[in-house]
C-alpha atoms as a PDB file:
ATOM      1  CA  MET A   1     -56.314 334.837  81.022  1.00  0.00           C
ATOM      2  CA  SER A   2     -58.209 331.733  81.505  1.00  0.00           C
ATOM      3  CA  ALA A   3     -61.721 332.571  82.981  1.00  0.00           C
ATOM      4  CA  SER A   4     -61.706 328.912  84.255  1.00  0.00           C
ATOM      5  CA  GLN A   5     -58.743 329.298  86.295  1.00  0.00           C
ATOM      6  CA  THR A   6     -59.017 330.435  89.874  1.00  0.00           C
ATOM      7  CA  TRP A   7     -57.763 334.382  90.533  1.00  0.00           C
ATOM      8  CA  SER A   8     -57.137 336.464  93.431  1.00  0.00           C
ATOM      9  CA  LEU A   9     -56.745 340.108  93.652  1.00  0.00           C
ATOM     10  CA  ARG A  10     -53.017 340.665  95.064  1.00  0.00           C
ATOM     11  CA  SER A  11     -52.704 344.670  95.117  1.00  0.00           C
ATOM     12  CA  VAL A  12     -53.362 347.649  93.222  1.00  0.00           C
ATOM     13  CA  ARG A  13     -49.937 349.721  92.777  1.00  0.00           C
ATOM     14  CA  PRO A  14     -48.953 352.400  90.181  1.00  0.00           C
ATOM     15  CA  ALA A  15     -48.408 351.640  86.556  1.00  0.00           C
ATOM     16  CA  ARG A  16     -44.746 351.051  85.230  1.00  0.00           C
ATOM     17  CA  PRO A  17     -43.799 351.445  81.522  1.00  0.00           C
ATOM     18  CA  GLU A  18     -43.582 347.770  80.759  1.00  0.00           C
ATOM     19  CA  ASP A  19     -47.170 347.395  81.503  1.00  0.00           C
ATOM     20  CA  GLU A  20     -47.847 348.983  78.089  1.00  0.00           C
ATOM     21  CA  THR A  21     -48.900 345.530  76.088  1.00  0.00           C
ATOM     22  CA  ALA A  22     -50.619 344.195  79.011  1.00  0.00           C
ATOM     23  CA  LEU A  23     -52.730 347.642  79.271  1.00  0.00           C
ATOM     24  CA  GLY A  24     -53.256 347.931  75.980  1.00  0.00           C
ATOM     25  CA  GLU A  25     -54.555 344.343  75.477  1.00  0.00           C
ATOM     26  CA  LEU A  26     -56.689 344.755  78.283  1.00  0.00           C
ATOM     27  CA  ASP A  27     -58.000 348.315  77.351  1.00  0.00           C
ATOM     28  CA  ARG A  28     -59.286 346.692  74.022  1.00  0.00           C
ATOM     29  CA  ALA A  29     -60.553 343.770  75.111  1.00  0.00           C
ATOM     30  CA  ALA A  30     -62.849 345.805  78.264  1.00  0.00           C
ATOM     31  CA  TRP A  31     -63.992 348.171  75.415  1.00  0.00           C
ATOM     32  CA  SER A  32     -67.764 348.140  75.557  1.00  0.00           C
ATOM     33  CA  PRO A  33     -70.614 350.076  74.285  1.00  0.00           C
ATOM     34  CA  LEU A  34     -71.785 350.983  77.551  1.00  0.00           C
ATOM     35  CA  HIS A  35     -68.830 353.108  78.268  1.00  0.00           C
ATOM     36  CA  ALA A  36     -67.234 354.092  75.427  1.00  0.00           C
ATOM     37  CA  VAL A  37     -67.705 357.228  72.954  1.00  0.00           C
ATOM     38  CA  GLN A  38     -64.931 356.024  70.447  1.00  0.00           C
ATOM     39  CA  PRO A  39     -65.460 353.262  68.270  1.00  0.00           C
ATOM     40  CA  ARG A  40     -64.137 349.790  69.035  1.00  0.00           C
ATOM     41  CA  PRO A  41     -59.937 349.986  68.555  1.00  0.00           C
ATOM     42  CA  GLN A  42     -58.776 348.782  65.417  1.00  0.00           C
ATOM     43  CA  PRO A  43     -55.234 348.097  64.240  1.00  0.00           C
ATOM     44  CA  PRO A  44     -53.016 349.327  64.141  1.00  0.00           C
ATOM     45  CA  TYR A  45     -53.558 350.152  67.622  1.00  0.00           C
ATOM     46  CA  ALA A  46     -51.927 353.761  69.228  1.00  0.00           C
ATOM     47  CA  PRO A  47     -49.688 353.128  72.063  1.00  0.00           C
ATOM     48  CA  PHE A  48     -51.297 352.819  75.623  1.00  0.00           C
ATOM     49  CA  PHE A  49     -49.084 355.570  77.475  1.00  0.00           C
ATOM     50  CA  ASP A  50     -48.233 358.544  75.519  1.00  0.00           C
ATOM     51  CA  ASP A  51     -47.353 362.265  76.611  1.00  0.00           C
ATOM     52  CA  ARG A  52     -50.927 363.140  77.397  1.00  0.00           C
ATOM     53  CA  HIS A  53     -51.444 359.522  79.238  1.00  0.00           C
ATOM     54  CA  PRO A  54     -48.147 358.653  81.191  1.00  0.00           C
ATOM     55  CA  PRO A  55     -47.750 355.555  83.110  1.00  0.00           C
ATOM     56  CA  GLY A  56     -47.896 357.822  86.569  1.00  0.00           C
ATOM     57  CA  GLU A  57     -51.001 358.482  86.013  1.00  0.00           C
ATOM     58  CA  PHE A  58     -52.465 354.761  86.127  1.00  0.00           C
ATOM     59  CA  LEU A  59     -53.070 352.356  89.000  1.00  0.00           C
ATOM     60  CA  VAL A  60     -53.078 348.481  88.406  1.00  0.00           C
ATOM     61  CA  ALA A  61     -54.743 346.095  89.854  1.00  0.00           C
ATOM     62  CA  ASP A  62     -52.710 342.959  89.826  1.00  0.00           C
ATOM     63  CA  ALA A  63     -54.597 339.619  90.232  1.00  0.00           C
ATOM     64  CA  VAL A  64     -52.727 336.218  91.084  1.00  0.00           C
ATOM     65  CA  GLY A  65     -53.369 332.849  89.728  1.00  0.00           C
ATOM     66  CA  GLU A  66     -53.282 329.385  91.242  1.00  0.00           C
ATOM     67  CA  ALA A  67     -49.596 328.783  90.135  1.00  0.00           C
ATOM     68  CA  GLY A  68     -48.944 332.155  91.393  1.00  0.00           C
ATOM     69  CA  GLU A  69     -48.755 334.013  87.993  1.00  0.00           C
ATOM     70  CA  VAL A  70     -49.242 337.492  88.328  1.00  0.00           C
ATOM     71  CA  SER A  71     -51.428 339.526  85.773  1.00  0.00           C
ATOM     72  CA  PRO A  72     -52.890 342.957  85.836  1.00  0.00           C
ATOM     73  CA  ALA A  73     -56.786 342.348  86.406  1.00  0.00           C
ATOM     74  CA  GLY A  74     -57.740 346.180  85.480  1.00  0.00           C
ATOM     75  CA  TYR A  75     -56.457 349.538  85.461  1.00  0.00           C
ATOM     76  CA  LEU A  76     -57.672 353.256  86.511  1.00  0.00           C
ATOM     77  CA  ARG A  77     -56.780 356.500  85.025  1.00  0.00           C
ATOM     78  CA  LEU A  78     -56.113 359.387  87.665  1.00  0.00           C
ATOM     79  CA  GLY A  79     -55.510 362.752  86.224  1.00  0.00           C
ATOM     80  CA  HIS A  80     -56.276 366.723  86.756  1.00  0.00           C
ATOM     81  CA  PRO A  81     -59.300 367.638  85.280  1.00  0.00           C
ATOM     82  CA  THR A  82     -57.793 370.575  83.803  1.00  0.00           C
ATOM     83  CA  PRO A  83     -54.579 372.253  83.611  1.00  0.00           C
ATOM     84  CA  LEU A  84     -55.695 375.466  85.719  1.00  0.00           C
ATOM     85  CA  ALA A  85     -54.416 376.168  88.703  1.00  0.00           C
ATOM     86  CA  CYS A  86     -57.610 376.917  90.362  1.00  0.00           C
ATOM     87  CA  ASN A  87     -58.919 373.604  89.539  1.00  0.00           C
ATOM     88  CA  ALA A  88     -55.424 371.930  91.145  1.00  0.00           C
ATOM     89  CA  HIS A  89     -57.731 370.583  94.370  1.00  0.00           C
ATOM     90  CA  VAL A  90     -59.608 367.846  92.160  1.00  0.00           C
ATOM     91  CA  ARG A  91     -58.614 364.471  90.841  1.00  0.00           C
ATOM     92  CA  GLN A  92     -60.693 363.248  88.063  1.00  0.00           C
ATOM     93  CA  ILE A  93     -61.322 359.456  87.069  1.00  0.00           C
ATOM     94  CA  GLN A  94     -60.685 359.331  83.294  1.00  0.00           C
ATOM     95  CA  GLY A  95     -60.995 355.701  82.787  1.00  0.00           C
ATOM     96  CA  LEU A  96     -61.645 352.486  84.346  1.00  0.00           C
ATOM     97  CA  ALA A  97     -61.001 349.082  82.943  1.00  0.00           C
ATOM     98  CA  VAL A  98     -61.306 345.976  84.242  1.00  0.00           C
ATOM     99  CA  ALA A  99     -60.472 342.557  82.505  1.00  0.00           C
ATOM    100  CA  GLY A 100     -63.446 340.482  81.597  1.00  0.00           C
ATOM    101  CA  TRP A 101     -61.975 337.144  84.091  1.00  0.00           C
ATOM    102  CA  ALA A 102     -61.846 339.200  86.949  1.00  0.00           C
ATOM    103  CA  ARG A 103     -65.366 340.991  86.832  1.00  0.00           C
ATOM    104  CA  ARG A 104     -67.194 340.929  90.122  1.00  0.00           C
ATOM    105  CA  GLN A 105     -64.038 340.139  91.975  1.00  0.00           C
ATOM    106  CA  GLY A 106     -63.997 343.472  93.734  1.00  0.00           C
ATOM    107  CA  VAL A 107     -61.191 344.665  91.444  1.00  0.00           C
ATOM    108  CA  ALA A 108     -63.232 347.983  90.258  1.00  0.00           C
ATOM    109  CA  ARG A 109     -63.625 348.768  94.077  1.00  0.00           C
ATOM    110  CA  ALA A 110     -60.423 347.792  94.745  1.00  0.00           C
ATOM    111  CA  LEU A 111     -59.151 350.445  92.243  1.00  0.00           C
ATOM    112  CA  LEU A 112     -61.639 353.352  93.156  1.00  0.00           C
ATOM    113  CA  ARG A 113     -60.724 352.914  96.990  1.00  0.00           C
ATOM    114  CA  ALA A 114     -57.140 353.183  95.629  1.00  0.00           C
ATOM    115  CA  ALA A 115     -57.596 356.397  93.385  1.00  0.00           C
ATOM    116  CA  TYR A 116     -59.492 357.768  96.767  1.00  0.00           C
ATOM    117  CA  ALA A 117     -56.398 357.119  98.605  1.00  0.00           C
ATOM    118  CA  GLU A 118     -53.970 358.383  96.033  1.00  0.00           C
ATOM    119  CA  SER A 119     -56.152 361.679  95.628  1.00  0.00           C
ATOM    120  CA  ARG A 120     -56.063 362.463  99.510  1.00  0.00           C
ATOM    121  CA  ARG A 121     -52.183 361.867  99.574  1.00  0.00           C
ATOM    122  CA  GLN A 122     -51.840 363.942  96.533  1.00  0.00           C
ATOM    123  CA  GLY A 123     -53.589 366.640  98.937  1.00  0.00           C
ATOM    124  CA  ALA A 124     -56.931 366.875  96.275  1.00  0.00           C
ATOM    125  CA  GLY A 125     -59.948 368.135  98.100  1.00  0.00           C
ATOM    126  CA  ARG A 126     -62.302 365.852  95.470  1.00  0.00           C
ATOM    127  CA  LEU A 127     -62.548 363.148  93.213  1.00  0.00           C
ATOM    128  CA  THR A 128     -64.547 363.415  90.300  1.00  0.00           C
ATOM    129  CA  LEU A 129     -65.751 361.070  86.971  1.00  0.00           C
ATOM    130  CA  ARG A 130     -67.703 361.038  84.115  1.00  0.00           C
ATOM    131  CA  VAL A 131     -69.989 358.214  83.301  1.00  0.00           C
ATOM    132  CA  LEU A 132     -72.342 357.496  80.329  1.00  0.00           C
ATOM    133  CA  GLY A 133     -76.103 357.476  81.583  1.00  0.00           C
ATOM    134  CA  HIS A 134     -76.822 353.810  80.466  1.00  0.00           C
ATOM    135  CA  ASN A 135     -74.004 352.500  82.413  1.00  0.00           C
ATOM    136  CA  THR A 136     -76.374 351.370  85.479  1.00  0.00           C
ATOM    137  CA  ALA A 137     -74.210 348.740  86.553  1.00  0.00           C
ATOM    138  CA  ALA A 138     -71.046 351.235  87.095  1.00  0.00           C
ATOM    139  CA  ARG A 139     -73.073 354.085  88.445  1.00  0.00           C
ATOM    140  CA  ALA A 140     -74.365 351.777  90.762  1.00  0.00           C
ATOM    141  CA  LEU A 141     -71.086 351.012  92.249  1.00  0.00           C
ATOM    142  CA  TYR A 142     -69.650 354.878  91.762  1.00  0.00           C
ATOM    143  CA  GLU A 143     -72.557 355.765  94.407  1.00  0.00           C
ATOM    144  CA  ALA A 144     -71.599 352.489  96.730  1.00  0.00           C
ATOM    145  CA  GLU A 145     -68.602 353.927  96.958  1.00  0.00           C
ATOM    146  CA  GLY A 146     -69.664 357.703  97.866  1.00  0.00           C
ATOM    147  CA  PHE A 147     -69.821 359.571  94.868  1.00  0.00           C
ATOM    148  CA  THR A 148     -72.974 361.527  94.147  1.00  0.00           C
ATOM    149  CA  VAL A 149     -74.759 362.693  90.893  1.00  0.00           C
ATOM    150  CA  GLU A 150     -73.118 366.484  90.533  1.00  0.00           C
ATOM    151  CA  GLY A 151     -74.593 366.911  87.143  1.00  0.00           C
ATOM    152  CA  VAL A 152     -76.156 365.515  83.880  1.00  0.00           C
ATOM    153  CA  LEU A 153     -75.658 366.763  80.278  1.00  0.00           C
ATOM    154  CA  PRO A 154     -78.926 365.410  78.577  1.00  0.00           C
ATOM    155  CA  GLY A 155     -78.173 363.705  75.184  1.00  0.00           C
ATOM    156  CA  GLU A 156     -74.467 364.648  75.420  1.00  0.00           C
ATOM    157  CA  PHE A 157     -73.254 361.544  73.088  1.00  0.00           C
ATOM    158  CA  PHE A 158     -75.139 359.826  70.225  1.00  0.00           C
ATOM    159  CA  LEU A 159     -74.526 356.210  70.368  1.00  0.00           C
ATOM    160  CA  GLY A 160     -75.748 352.967  68.823  1.00  0.00           C
ATOM    161  CA  GLY A 161     -78.758 355.061  67.586  1.00  0.00           C
ATOM    162  CA  ARG A 162     -79.871 356.939  70.429  1.00  0.00           C
ATOM    163  CA  TYR A 163     -78.782 360.211  72.535  1.00  0.00           C
ATOM    164  CA  VAL A 164     -76.881 358.891  75.869  1.00  0.00           C
ATOM    165  CA  ASP A 165     -76.686 361.387  79.063  1.00  0.00           C
ATOM    166  CA  ASP A 166     -73.098 362.158  80.285  1.00  0.00           C
ATOM    167  CA  VAL A 167     -73.595 362.197  84.408  1.00  0.00           C
ATOM    168  CA  LEU A 168     -71.182 363.759  86.210  1.00  0.00           C
ATOM    169  CA  MET A 169     -70.045 362.624  89.409  1.00  0.00           C
ATOM    170  CA  GLY A 170     -68.125 363.244  92.303  1.00  0.00           C
ATOM    171  CA  ARG A 171     -67.032 362.888  96.208  1.00  0.00           C
ATOM    172  CA  SER A 172     -64.992 364.845  98.864  1.00  0.00           C
ATOM    173  CA  THR A 173     -61.985 363.362 100.180  1.00  0.00           C
ATOM    174  CA  ALA A 174     -62.340 364.974 103.344  1.00  0.00           C
ATOM    175  CA  ALA A 175     -62.013 362.512 105.552  1.00  0.00           C
END
């Protein structure tokens, strides 16, 4: 996508199997040490969707360009934090990426709000996420969307030559 072209958020929708290539490319392009605990992906690339990450767990933010073309601007993975029945009332954001050309246009906020709505639709009482302590921009966005810090695992990851906290955040989905 061209950064010089004007794009606007069109909608947030469930992912479809045919989104695999575009979402895989978006995921690799959005990789950053601010949020990744795994090394930068290298070819040959693993499939974006697999048995543990099916299309049904993803929400896709579509943007529309000046000529009417539609392209994924971001995605969010919404899953269960554990397979336990006693934890079935919780949904967890397990991945969020926004294309570079779509940043600062409300895409992440739209995906978070769609995840909240989908969690409520599924009957979940809580929505949680984990964010690296040094990712201050993401933490500020999550706080602006109603998430609060519920715990910190100090120095949980050793990234780029230093220890980084794992920050646990959550919010109620009650109206």
